[in-house]
Amino acid sequence: MKKKSSVTGALFTLFVMGILAYNCASNSKPKETESTSGQEAIVLDSAFLNHRDSVPSKQQYADPLFELSHDYPASAAPVVNPPWQQALKGRSISEWNVFAYMDSLKSYVAPRLLPFFTNNSSWTSARYGWFNEPWLGTQREAILGAYLGNGNPANMFKTLKEDEAGYALVLYDSTAAYTVGQIWGKTGQSVNLLNDAAQFTEGSVIVKLAFSNINYPQWPVMENAQTFSVYDTIPTSADPATGYQMRKVSFFQMDIIVKDSKTAPKTGWVYSTFVYDKDRKGSTWEKMVPLGAMWGNDPGVNSPLAPPYPKLSETVINPLAPAYSKETLGWGGRLSGPNDGAVAQEAYDVSTGKKYTNLALSSCMSCHSPAQDTFKSFLLPGPFPPGNQLLVYTPGSDKWNLWFRDDYGNVPFDSGQVAMDYDMVMAFKSVLAFEAAKPSEQNKLLRSNAAAVQKFRRHNTRSRFWH
C-alpha cells in the first residue's frame, strides 16, 4: 500500500496540470499575457530552469546534468520535399506505404538522436540541434531532464503485475522550435498566441522519448532494453528506497510527429509511434519497431467497444508489433502507445451510470485535439471529473465523437478559443506551469481545486488515464 500511494502521488502531478487548465477558463479569453514585474518576476525567473534542485552527488553521478535548450530560432522555412513524403512515392498514405513513411522519419532524426543512446553522457539537446519546452524545470529530474508522463496500474498489461510510472523527454527540432520561440520569446515571461503564433511550420518534427520505471525481470518484455539513470522519488518492488534516489528506467517508446499538410490535409499532422521489441535483433535503435501511425481520428467510423473493429482509414497498426504494445491501443484500435494512457480500467457513463472496465477511450490525436488557450473541454471524451470517478460520455454518442473530429490545427476544440495546433505539451504543461507560477488570487483558487483533484486521484489509483 505504501508503494502504491507513492506512485499515485507522483503521477498526480500531470493530472493536476490538466485540471488547472480547466479551472483557468474565464469569460475574457487571453491572446497574449502581460509580462510581470516585481515579486512575480522573481517567481517567473524559473522559465528556463534546467531541472529540480534535488540533484545527485558527484559520487552518485559524475557526468554533466541536464541543460535546457532554449535558444529558439528566429526564423524557419517550410521543409520542401522531405524524405518522408518521398517515401510515399507520390501516393496517399495508407497501409501499403505507411511503414516506409515511418522508417524515413526514423532515419531523418537518427543522426541527431542516436548519440543519445550511444554516448549519453556527452549528449545534450543543444549540441545536437534539439530544443526543449520552458517552464517545466520544477518537474524535470536532473539527469535526463525527463518528467513524469503516463503511468499504468498493475495488470494493465498481461505481463505487468505492479504499478508502473512513465517518464518523458520531448524534443523539438529547429523548425518546430521556431514556433516555441514565437510563443515564449527570449525571456519566457509572456505567452504570445497572436497571429497564428502557435501554428507550426510545415516540416516541423517533434520527438518524445518515453521510459518505464519497471525494468526486466519485473517486466519481462523489457528484457535487454537499454536503461538510463534518473534521480527521482518513485519506488518500485525492485527499488523500494524512499526519497530521491538514483533509479533505473528502460527506454520503451518513441513518438515522432511531423507537420505534414500534404500527407494529412485534414489535420496537418502525422503521428507515428515506435515501441521496444525484445525479440528484434540489433541495437536499441534497431529494436524500436513501428507500432503504427495515424493522421486523423476516423470520424466516420463509430467503433464498438470490443473487437472485431471496423477497418480504420486514418490509423494503421503494425500486426507484427509486440503484443504488450497493442494492449493499450485507443478507441476502436486507434493509435495509442503503452505510455499514452488511452485505456481506463474503470469509468462511468455520465448519462446512465453504466460502469465500463478496460475502456479504450482515446487516441494520440484525440487527446491532443483540445490544445487551446482556454480549456473548456477535458482531454478525454467526458466532463472534467467532479469527484472520485472518471465520467465519460456514452461511447459513440455525439458528445463522445467531438473528440474524434478531423480538424486542422488552427481550428479550436471549442469555438471562440485559440487553437494550439495539437501541441498538448505546450498547452497543458508549459503554459499552465507559467500560469501557476503567478501568485495571484486566481491561482490560490487553482491550488484549492488541485487539492480536491488530489482527493479524486487517491480514490482512483487504478485508473491512470493521462499522457
Protein backbone atom coordinates (compact mmCIF):
# COMPACT_ATOMS: atom_id res chain seq x y z
CA MET A 1 0.00 0.00 0.00
CA LYS A 2 2.83 2.37 0.72
CA LYS A 3 4.31 1.80 -2.72
CA LYS A 4 1.01 2.43 -4.47
CA SER A 5 0.45 5.69 -2.59
CA SER A 6 3.91 6.92 -3.57
CA VAL A 7 3.39 6.14 -7.22
CA THR A 8 -0.03 7.74 -7.18
CA GLY A 9 1.25 10.92 -5.60
CA ALA A 10 3.99 11.29 -8.17
CA LEU A 11 1.73 10.60 -11.14
CA PHE A 12 -0.86 13.02 -9.81
CA THR A 13 1.25 16.00 -10.88
CA LEU A 14 0.25 15.64 -14.52
CA PHE A 15 -3.40 15.16 -13.70
CA VAL A 16 -3.44 18.35 -11.64
CA MET A 17 -1.99 20.28 -14.57
CA GLY A 18 -4.92 19.22 -16.71
CA ILE A 19 -7.48 20.20 -14.09
CA LEU A 20 -5.73 23.53 -13.63
CA ALA A 21 -6.28 24.06 -17.34
CA TYR A 22 -9.99 23.60 -16.89
CA ASN A 23 -10.19 25.96 -13.96
CA CYS A 24 -8.21 28.62 -15.84
CA ALA A 25 -11.20 29.10 -18.13
CA SER A 26 -12.61 32.62 -17.99
CA ASN A 27 -15.02 34.81 -19.88
CA SER A 28 -12.21 37.01 -21.20
CA LYS A 29 -10.00 34.85 -23.35
CA PRO A 30 -6.32 35.96 -23.25
CA LYS A 31 -4.49 36.07 -26.57
CA GLU A 32 -1.27 37.39 -25.10
CA THR A 33 -0.48 37.52 -21.41
CA GLU A 34 1.24 40.55 -20.00
CA SER A 35 4.78 40.45 -18.70
CA THR A 36 5.09 40.63 -14.96
CA SER A 37 7.29 42.66 -12.68
CA GLY A 38 8.29 42.96 -9.05
CA GLN A 39 7.64 39.94 -6.88
CA GLU A 40 6.07 37.99 -9.77
CA ALA A 41 9.20 38.41 -11.88
CA ILE A 42 11.18 36.64 -9.18
CA VAL A 43 8.81 33.70 -9.38
CA LEU A 44 8.83 33.74 -13.17
CA ASP A 45 12.61 33.59 -13.23
CA SER A 46 12.22 29.82 -13.44
CA ALA A 47 11.12 29.95 -17.11
CA PHE A 48 14.34 28.32 -18.29
CA LEU A 49 15.23 26.40 -15.15
CA ASN A 50 17.13 23.26 -16.14
CA HIS A 51 15.75 20.85 -13.54
CA ARG A 52 14.70 20.43 -9.93
CA ASP A 53 17.15 21.41 -7.23
CA SER A 54 17.35 17.84 -5.92
CA VAL A 55 20.46 16.56 -7.67
CA PRO A 56 22.70 13.52 -7.22
CA SER A 57 26.11 13.89 -5.65
CA LYS A 58 29.22 13.52 -7.78
CA GLN A 59 29.74 10.14 -6.15
CA GLN A 60 26.30 9.07 -7.32
CA TYR A 61 26.55 10.55 -10.81
CA ALA A 62 29.74 12.11 -12.14
CA ASP A 63 28.57 13.13 -15.64
CA PRO A 64 27.01 16.51 -16.53
CA LEU A 65 23.38 17.09 -15.59
CA PHE A 66 20.58 18.06 -17.97
CA GLU A 67 20.68 21.53 -19.54
CA LEU A 68 17.60 23.07 -21.12
CA SER A 69 17.97 24.08 -24.78
CA HIS A 70 16.01 27.31 -25.24
CA ASP A 71 17.88 29.47 -27.78
CA TYR A 72 14.92 29.16 -30.11
CA PRO A 73 15.48 30.02 -33.81
CA ALA A 74 14.33 33.44 -35.00
CA SER A 75 13.13 32.08 -38.35
CA ALA A 76 12.07 28.88 -40.05
CA ALA A 77 11.34 27.95 -43.65
CA PRO A 78 8.99 25.13 -44.63
CA VAL A 79 10.78 21.87 -45.35
CA VAL A 80 10.45 21.22 -49.08
CA ASN A 81 10.05 17.69 -50.47
CA PRO A 82 11.12 15.98 -47.24
CA PRO A 83 12.23 12.35 -47.32
CA TRP A 84 9.10 11.09 -45.56
CA GLN A 85 6.95 12.46 -48.38
CA GLN A 86 9.32 10.94 -50.92
CA ALA A 87 8.84 7.58 -49.23
CA LEU A 88 5.19 7.61 -50.28
CA LYS A 89 6.21 7.67 -53.96
CA GLY A 90 3.51 10.13 -54.92
CA ARG A 91 0.67 8.14 -53.38
CA SER A 92 -1.62 8.87 -50.48
CA ILE A 93 -0.50 7.47 -47.16
CA SER A 94 -2.05 4.06 -46.45
CA GLU A 95 -1.35 0.63 -45.04
CA TRP A 96 0.78 -0.05 -48.12
CA ASN A 97 3.35 2.69 -47.58
CA VAL A 98 2.91 3.95 -44.02
CA PHE A 99 5.83 1.93 -42.64
CA ALA A 100 8.15 3.28 -45.33
CA TYR A 101 7.00 6.75 -44.21
CA MET A 102 7.77 5.88 -40.59
CA ASP A 103 11.18 4.41 -41.46
CA SER A 104 12.04 7.60 -43.32
CA LEU A 105 11.13 9.72 -40.29
CA LYS A 106 13.22 7.49 -38.06
CA SER A 107 16.20 7.80 -40.42
CA TYR A 108 15.72 11.57 -40.58
CA VAL A 109 16.10 12.05 -36.82
CA ALA A 110 18.75 9.35 -36.37
CA PRO A 111 21.94 11.45 -36.82
CA ARG A 112 20.86 13.86 -34.09
CA LEU A 113 19.23 11.30 -31.82
CA LEU A 114 21.39 8.18 -31.98
CA PRO A 115 24.12 9.74 -29.80
CA PHE A 116 21.56 9.94 -27.01
CA PHE A 117 21.76 6.14 -26.89
CA THR A 118 25.36 5.52 -27.89
CA ASN A 119 27.08 8.27 -25.89
CA ASN A 120 24.51 9.66 -23.50
CA SER A 121 26.95 11.23 -21.05
CA SER A 122 28.05 13.78 -23.67
CA TRP A 123 24.70 14.22 -25.44
CA THR A 124 22.80 17.46 -24.94
CA SER A 125 19.75 18.79 -26.72
CA ALA A 126 21.54 21.93 -27.86
CA ARG A 127 24.62 20.11 -29.15
CA TYR A 128 22.53 18.01 -31.49
CA GLY A 129 20.08 20.65 -32.65
CA TRP A 130 17.12 19.91 -30.40
CA PHE A 131 15.12 22.27 -28.19
CA ASN A 132 13.02 21.85 -25.05
CA GLU A 133 9.83 23.46 -23.79
CA PRO A 134 10.16 26.07 -21.00
CA TRP A 135 8.57 26.26 -17.55
CA LEU A 136 8.97 22.62 -16.64
CA GLY A 137 12.21 22.79 -14.68
CA THR A 138 10.46 22.15 -11.39
CA GLN A 139 9.08 18.92 -12.89
CA ARG A 140 12.24 17.66 -14.59
CA GLU A 141 14.57 15.25 -12.84
CA ALA A 142 18.20 16.29 -13.07
CA ILE A 143 19.87 13.63 -15.25
CA LEU A 144 17.79 13.05 -18.39
CA GLY A 145 15.63 16.12 -17.91
CA ALA A 146 12.61 13.85 -18.05
CA TYR A 147 9.33 14.46 -16.26
CA LEU A 148 6.52 12.12 -15.34
CA GLY A 149 4.42 11.03 -18.26
CA ASN A 150 1.66 8.49 -18.07
CA GLY A 151 1.65 5.60 -15.65
CA ASN A 152 -0.06 2.24 -15.84
CA PRO A 153 -1.66 0.41 -12.93
CA ALA A 154 -0.95 -3.22 -12.19
CA ASN A 155 -2.50 -5.64 -14.68
CA MET A 156 -2.94 -3.06 -17.42
CA PHE A 157 -0.59 -5.37 -19.30
CA LYS A 158 -0.81 -9.14 -19.02
CA THR A 159 2.92 -9.22 -18.28
CA LEU A 160 2.99 -6.44 -15.65
CA LYS A 161 1.75 -7.17 -12.13
CA GLU A 162 2.66 -3.91 -10.41
CA ASP A 163 2.10 -0.19 -10.86
CA GLU A 164 4.32 1.46 -13.47
CA ALA A 165 5.39 5.07 -13.93
CA GLY A 166 6.49 6.54 -17.24
CA TYR A 167 8.99 9.34 -17.84
CA ALA A 168 9.02 11.55 -20.93
CA LEU A 169 11.53 13.78 -22.69
CA VAL A 170 10.17 15.96 -25.53
CA LEU A 171 12.47 17.33 -28.23
CA TYR A 172 11.59 19.96 -30.87
CA ASP A 173 13.73 20.17 -34.00
CA SER A 174 14.83 23.61 -35.19
CA THR A 175 11.83 24.04 -37.49
CA ALA A 176 9.39 23.22 -34.71
CA ALA A 177 11.37 25.24 -32.16
CA TYR A 178 10.74 28.41 -34.14
CA THR A 179 7.09 28.16 -33.06
CA VAL A 180 8.13 27.55 -29.45
CA GLY A 181 10.11 30.78 -29.65
CA GLN A 182 7.18 32.66 -31.18
CA ILE A 183 5.04 31.67 -28.21
CA TRP A 184 7.60 32.41 -25.49
CA GLY A 185 10.08 34.91 -26.92
CA LYS A 186 13.56 35.18 -25.48
CA THR A 187 12.55 35.51 -21.84
CA GLY A 188 9.56 33.22 -21.37
CA GLN A 189 7.83 35.99 -19.42
CA SER A 190 4.67 36.13 -21.53
CA VAL A 191 2.62 33.86 -23.77
CA ASN A 192 2.00 35.07 -27.31
CA LEU A 193 -0.82 33.46 -29.29
CA LEU A 194 -1.42 36.35 -31.68
CA ASN A 195 -1.33 35.99 -35.47
CA ASP A 196 -1.16 32.19 -35.54
CA ALA A 197 1.98 32.19 -33.39
CA ALA A 198 1.14 28.68 -32.14
CA GLN A 199 0.84 27.21 -35.65
CA PHE A 200 3.84 25.09 -36.62
CA THR A 201 5.82 25.48 -39.84
CA GLU A 202 5.50 22.72 -42.42
CA GLY A 203 8.10 20.04 -41.80
CA SER A 204 8.28 20.62 -38.03
CA VAL A 205 9.33 17.44 -36.24
CA ILE A 206 8.71 16.72 -32.55
CA VAL A 207 10.07 13.62 -30.80
CA LYS A 208 9.03 12.18 -27.47
CA LEU A 209 11.19 9.59 -25.74
CA ALA A 210 9.44 7.53 -23.06
CA PHE A 211 10.96 5.42 -20.29
CA SER A 212 9.45 2.93 -17.85
CA ASN A 213 10.46 2.69 -14.22
CA ILE A 214 9.70 -1.05 -14.25
CA ASN A 215 12.59 -2.97 -15.75
CA TYR A 216 13.46 -6.56 -16.51
CA PRO A 217 12.87 -9.07 -14.88
CA GLN A 218 9.91 -7.39 -13.10
CA TRP A 219 8.54 -6.63 -16.57
CA PRO A 220 9.62 -9.47 -18.88
CA VAL A 221 9.01 -7.52 -22.11
CA MET A 222 11.81 -5.13 -21.10
CA GLU A 223 14.46 -7.84 -21.39
CA ASN A 224 17.70 -6.31 -22.77
CA ALA A 225 16.09 -2.87 -23.06
CA GLN A 226 18.58 -0.03 -22.72
CA THR A 227 18.41 1.51 -19.27
CA PHE A 228 19.21 5.03 -18.10
CA SER A 229 19.61 6.67 -14.72
CA VAL A 230 17.15 9.20 -13.32
CA TYR A 231 17.22 10.92 -9.98
CA ASP A 232 13.71 10.71 -8.60
CA THR A 233 11.46 9.55 -5.78
CA ILE A 234 9.23 6.79 -7.16
CA PRO A 235 9.93 3.40 -5.57
CA THR A 236 9.36 0.04 -7.23
CA SER A 237 9.34 -3.52 -5.94
CA ALA A 238 12.92 -3.88 -7.16
CA ASP A 239 13.95 -0.43 -5.92
CA PRO A 240 11.92 0.23 -2.73
CA ALA A 241 14.05 3.06 -1.31
CA THR A 242 12.10 6.23 -0.46
CA GLY A 243 13.03 9.81 -1.31
CA TYR A 244 15.34 10.98 -4.07
CA GLN A 245 17.50 8.11 -5.28
CA MET A 246 19.41 7.06 -8.35
CA ARG A 247 16.87 4.90 -10.16
CA LYS A 248 16.89 2.89 -13.36
CA VAL A 249 14.42 3.30 -16.24
CA SER A 250 14.02 1.38 -19.50
CA PHE A 251 13.57 3.05 -22.89
CA PHE A 252 10.42 1.59 -24.42
CA GLN A 253 8.58 4.10 -26.63
CA MET A 254 9.45 6.80 -29.16
CA ASP A 255 6.91 9.08 -30.82
CA ILE A 256 7.80 11.10 -33.91
CA ILE A 257 5.18 13.58 -35.07
CA VAL A 258 5.52 15.76 -38.14
CA LYS A 259 3.62 18.74 -39.53
CA ASP A 260 2.81 17.41 -42.98
CA SER A 261 -0.27 19.00 -44.51
CA LYS A 262 0.38 17.40 -47.88
CA THR A 263 0.12 13.92 -46.42
CA ALA A 264 -2.54 14.83 -43.82
CA PRO A 265 -4.56 17.69 -45.33
CA LYS A 266 -7.44 17.35 -42.86
CA THR A 267 -5.42 17.66 -39.63
CA GLY A 268 -1.96 18.79 -40.76
CA TRP A 269 -0.14 16.17 -38.69
CA VAL A 270 1.08 12.58 -38.90
CA TYR A 271 1.69 10.80 -35.59
CA SER A 272 3.95 7.75 -35.50
CA THR A 273 4.85 5.53 -32.57
CA PHE A 274 7.76 3.11 -32.21
CA VAL A 275 8.00 0.59 -29.37
CA TYR A 276 10.65 -1.66 -27.90
CA ASP A 277 10.69 -5.24 -29.19
CA LYS A 278 12.92 -7.55 -27.18
CA ASP A 279 12.78 -10.18 -29.91
CA ARG A 280 14.19 -7.92 -32.62
CA LYS A 281 17.93 -8.34 -33.19
CA GLY A 282 20.35 -5.46 -33.16
CA SER A 283 20.96 -2.25 -31.25
CA THR A 284 18.49 -0.29 -29.16
CA TRP A 285 17.67 1.79 -32.21
CA GLU A 286 17.00 -1.29 -34.30
CA LYS A 287 14.81 -2.80 -31.61
CA MET A 288 12.44 0.18 -31.81
CA VAL A 289 9.82 -1.10 -34.24
CA PRO A 290 6.68 0.57 -35.63
CA LEU A 291 3.56 0.23 -33.54
CA GLY A 292 1.66 2.34 -36.02
CA ALA A 293 0.76 5.76 -37.34
CA MET A 294 -2.30 7.98 -37.56
CA TRP A 295 -3.10 11.15 -39.48
CA GLY A 296 -6.73 11.58 -38.43
CA ASN A 297 -9.32 10.33 -35.96
CA ASP A 298 -11.50 8.38 -38.41
CA PRO A 299 -14.62 10.37 -37.55
CA GLY A 300 -16.65 8.28 -39.98
CA VAL A 301 -16.00 5.06 -38.06
CA ASN A 302 -18.21 4.63 -34.99
CA SER A 303 -16.29 1.81 -33.38
CA PRO A 304 -17.70 -0.79 -30.98
CA LEU A 305 -16.11 -1.20 -27.56
CA ALA A 306 -14.68 -4.64 -28.28
CA PRO A 307 -13.13 -6.31 -31.33
CA PRO A 308 -13.57 -7.14 -34.08
CA TYR A 309 -13.30 -3.48 -35.02
CA PRO A 310 -14.23 -1.96 -38.38
CA LYS A 311 -11.23 -1.08 -40.51
CA LEU A 312 -9.82 2.39 -39.96
CA SER A 313 -8.69 4.55 -42.87
CA GLU A 314 -6.58 7.06 -40.89
CA THR A 315 -4.79 4.71 -38.49
CA VAL A 316 -2.58 1.78 -39.37
CA ILE A 317 -1.31 -0.61 -36.68
CA ASN A 318 1.61 -2.94 -37.29
CA PRO A 319 0.31 -6.51 -36.86
CA LEU A 320 3.85 -7.62 -36.01
CA ALA A 321 4.32 -5.13 -33.16
CA PRO A 322 4.98 -6.81 -29.78
CA ALA A 323 1.82 -7.93 -28.01
CA TYR A 324 2.22 -5.69 -24.94
CA SER A 325 2.27 -2.55 -27.10
CA LYS A 326 -1.12 -3.35 -28.62
CA GLU A 327 -2.86 -3.85 -25.26
CA THR A 328 -3.22 -0.08 -24.82
CA LEU A 329 -4.49 0.90 -28.27
CA GLY A 330 -7.22 3.53 -28.22
CA TRP A 331 -10.88 3.56 -29.19
CA GLY A 332 -11.61 1.03 -31.90
CA GLY A 333 -7.90 0.27 -32.32
CA ARG A 334 -6.82 3.87 -32.97
CA LEU A 335 -3.16 4.62 -32.30
CA SER A 336 -2.02 4.92 -28.70
CA GLY A 337 1.20 3.56 -27.22
CA PRO A 338 1.96 1.83 -23.90
CA ASN A 339 2.98 5.17 -22.37
CA ASP A 340 -0.09 7.05 -23.59
CA GLY A 341 -2.91 6.15 -21.21
CA ALA A 342 -5.75 5.59 -23.69
CA VAL A 343 -7.35 2.83 -21.61
CA ALA A 344 -9.20 3.42 -18.33
CA GLN A 345 -9.57 0.39 -16.10
CA GLU A 346 -12.74 1.90 -14.69
CA ALA A 347 -15.07 4.63 -15.98
CA TYR A 348 -18.75 5.55 -15.62
CA ASP A 349 -21.22 6.76 -18.20
CA VAL A 350 -22.28 10.29 -17.25
CA SER A 351 -25.79 9.69 -18.63
CA THR A 352 -26.63 6.17 -17.49
CA GLY A 353 -24.18 5.47 -14.68
CA LYS A 354 -23.04 2.33 -16.51
CA LYS A 355 -19.63 1.07 -15.39
CA TYR A 356 -17.05 0.38 -18.07
CA THR A 357 -13.95 -1.71 -17.44
CA ASN A 358 -10.77 -1.50 -19.52
CA LEU A 359 -12.39 1.15 -21.68
CA ALA A 360 -10.34 2.27 -24.69
CA LEU A 361 -11.46 5.89 -24.83
CA SER A 362 -8.82 7.97 -26.58
CA SER A 363 -6.09 8.11 -29.22
CA CYS A 364 -2.93 10.12 -29.77
CA MET A 365 -4.67 12.77 -31.84
CA SER A 366 -7.96 12.88 -29.94
CA CYS A 367 -6.11 13.54 -26.69
CA HIS A 368 -4.08 16.35 -28.27
CA SER A 369 -7.03 17.94 -30.04
CA PRO A 370 -8.30 20.11 -27.09
CA ALA A 371 -4.99 22.04 -27.05
CA GLN A 372 -6.13 25.66 -26.97
CA ASP A 373 -5.60 28.78 -24.89
CA THR A 374 -8.60 28.29 -22.57
CA PHE A 375 -9.64 24.77 -21.68
CA LYS A 376 -13.35 24.20 -21.60
CA SER A 377 -13.04 20.55 -22.60
CA PHE A 378 -11.24 17.67 -20.92
CA LEU A 379 -8.58 15.63 -22.74
CA LEU A 380 -10.81 12.57 -22.71
CA PRO A 381 -14.37 12.27 -24.06
CA GLY A 382 -16.18 13.23 -20.90
CA PRO A 383 -16.62 16.10 -18.43
CA PHE A 384 -13.90 17.06 -16.01
CA PRO A 385 -14.02 14.55 -13.12
CA PRO A 386 -16.13 16.16 -10.40
CA GLY A 387 -15.25 13.68 -7.66
CA ASN A 388 -13.82 10.21 -7.23
CA GLN A 389 -14.91 8.72 -10.56
CA LEU A 390 -13.87 9.12 -14.18
CA LEU A 391 -17.00 10.08 -16.09
CA VAL A 392 -17.34 9.61 -19.84
CA TYR A 393 -19.96 10.36 -22.44
CA THR A 394 -21.69 7.36 -23.97
CA PRO A 395 -19.19 5.80 -26.39
CA GLY A 396 -20.16 6.60 -29.95
CA SER A 397 -22.57 9.37 -28.96
CA ASP A 398 -22.47 12.85 -30.49
CA LYS A 399 -20.71 14.25 -27.41
CA TRP A 400 -18.16 11.41 -27.42
CA ASN A 401 -17.48 11.95 -31.11
CA LEU A 402 -16.43 15.56 -30.53
CA TRP A 403 -13.05 14.13 -29.55
CA PHE A 404 -12.77 12.23 -32.81
CA ARG A 405 -13.07 15.01 -35.37
CA ASP A 406 -10.62 15.71 -38.17
CA ASP A 407 -10.00 19.39 -37.51
CA TYR A 408 -6.98 21.25 -38.82
CA GLY A 409 -4.56 22.51 -36.18
CA ASN A 410 -5.81 26.10 -36.38
CA VAL A 411 -9.38 25.09 -35.52
CA PRO A 412 -10.01 25.26 -31.76
CA PHE A 413 -11.77 22.43 -30.00
CA ASP A 414 -14.23 24.94 -28.53
CA SER A 415 -15.47 27.87 -30.58
CA GLY A 416 -14.07 31.26 -29.66
CA GLN A 417 -10.75 29.89 -28.42
CA VAL A 418 -7.25 29.96 -29.93
CA ALA A 419 -6.10 26.60 -31.25
CA MET A 420 -2.55 25.49 -30.40
CA ASP A 421 -2.02 23.10 -33.30
CA TYR A 422 -2.33 19.81 -31.40
CA ASP A 423 0.60 20.74 -29.11
CA MET A 424 -0.58 19.14 -25.90
CA VAL A 425 2.79 19.52 -24.15
CA MET A 426 2.90 23.27 -24.71
CA ALA A 427 -0.77 23.89 -23.92
CA PHE A 428 -1.23 21.52 -21.00
CA LYS A 429 2.17 21.73 -19.35
CA SER A 430 4.29 24.76 -20.21
CA VAL A 431 1.52 27.37 -20.37
CA LEU A 432 -0.14 26.01 -17.25
CA ALA A 433 3.13 25.95 -15.32
CA PHE A 434 3.63 29.60 -16.31
CA GLU A 435 0.13 30.50 -15.10
CA ALA A 436 0.54 28.55 -11.87
CA ALA A 437 3.77 30.42 -11.09
CA LYS A 438 1.96 33.74 -10.83
CA PRO A 439 1.00 34.37 -7.17
CA SER A 440 -2.46 35.72 -7.93
CA GLU A 441 -5.82 35.35 -6.26
CA GLN A 442 -6.92 33.22 -9.20
CA ASN A 443 -4.13 30.75 -8.60
CA LYS A 444 -4.98 30.45 -4.92
CA LEU A 445 -8.26 29.08 -6.18
CA LEU A 446 -6.40 26.78 -8.57
CA ARG A 447 -4.35 25.35 -5.72
CA SER A 448 -7.55 24.74 -3.76
CA ASN A 449 -9.07 22.96 -6.75
CA ALA A 450 -5.88 20.94 -7.18
CA ALA A 451 -6.26 19.67 -3.61
CA ALA A 452 -9.75 18.46 -4.49
CA VAL A 453 -8.39 16.68 -7.54
CA GLN A 454 -5.72 15.03 -5.42
CA LYS A 455 -8.51 13.55 -3.33
CA PHE A 456 -10.04 12.20 -6.53
CA ARG A 457 -6.72 10.65 -7.54
CA ARG A 458 -6.23 8.94 -4.18
CA HIS A 459 -9.52 7.13 -4.72
CA ASN A 460 -8.69 6.18 -8.29
CA THR A 461 -5.21 4.70 -8.10
CA ARG A 462 -6.17 2.06 -10.65
CA SER A 463 -7.34 4.49 -13.34
CA ARG A 464 -4.23 6.17 -14.70
CA PHE A 465 -5.53 7.86 -17.82
CA TRP A 466 -3.07 10.63 -18.51
CA HIS A 467 -0.49 11.22 -21.24
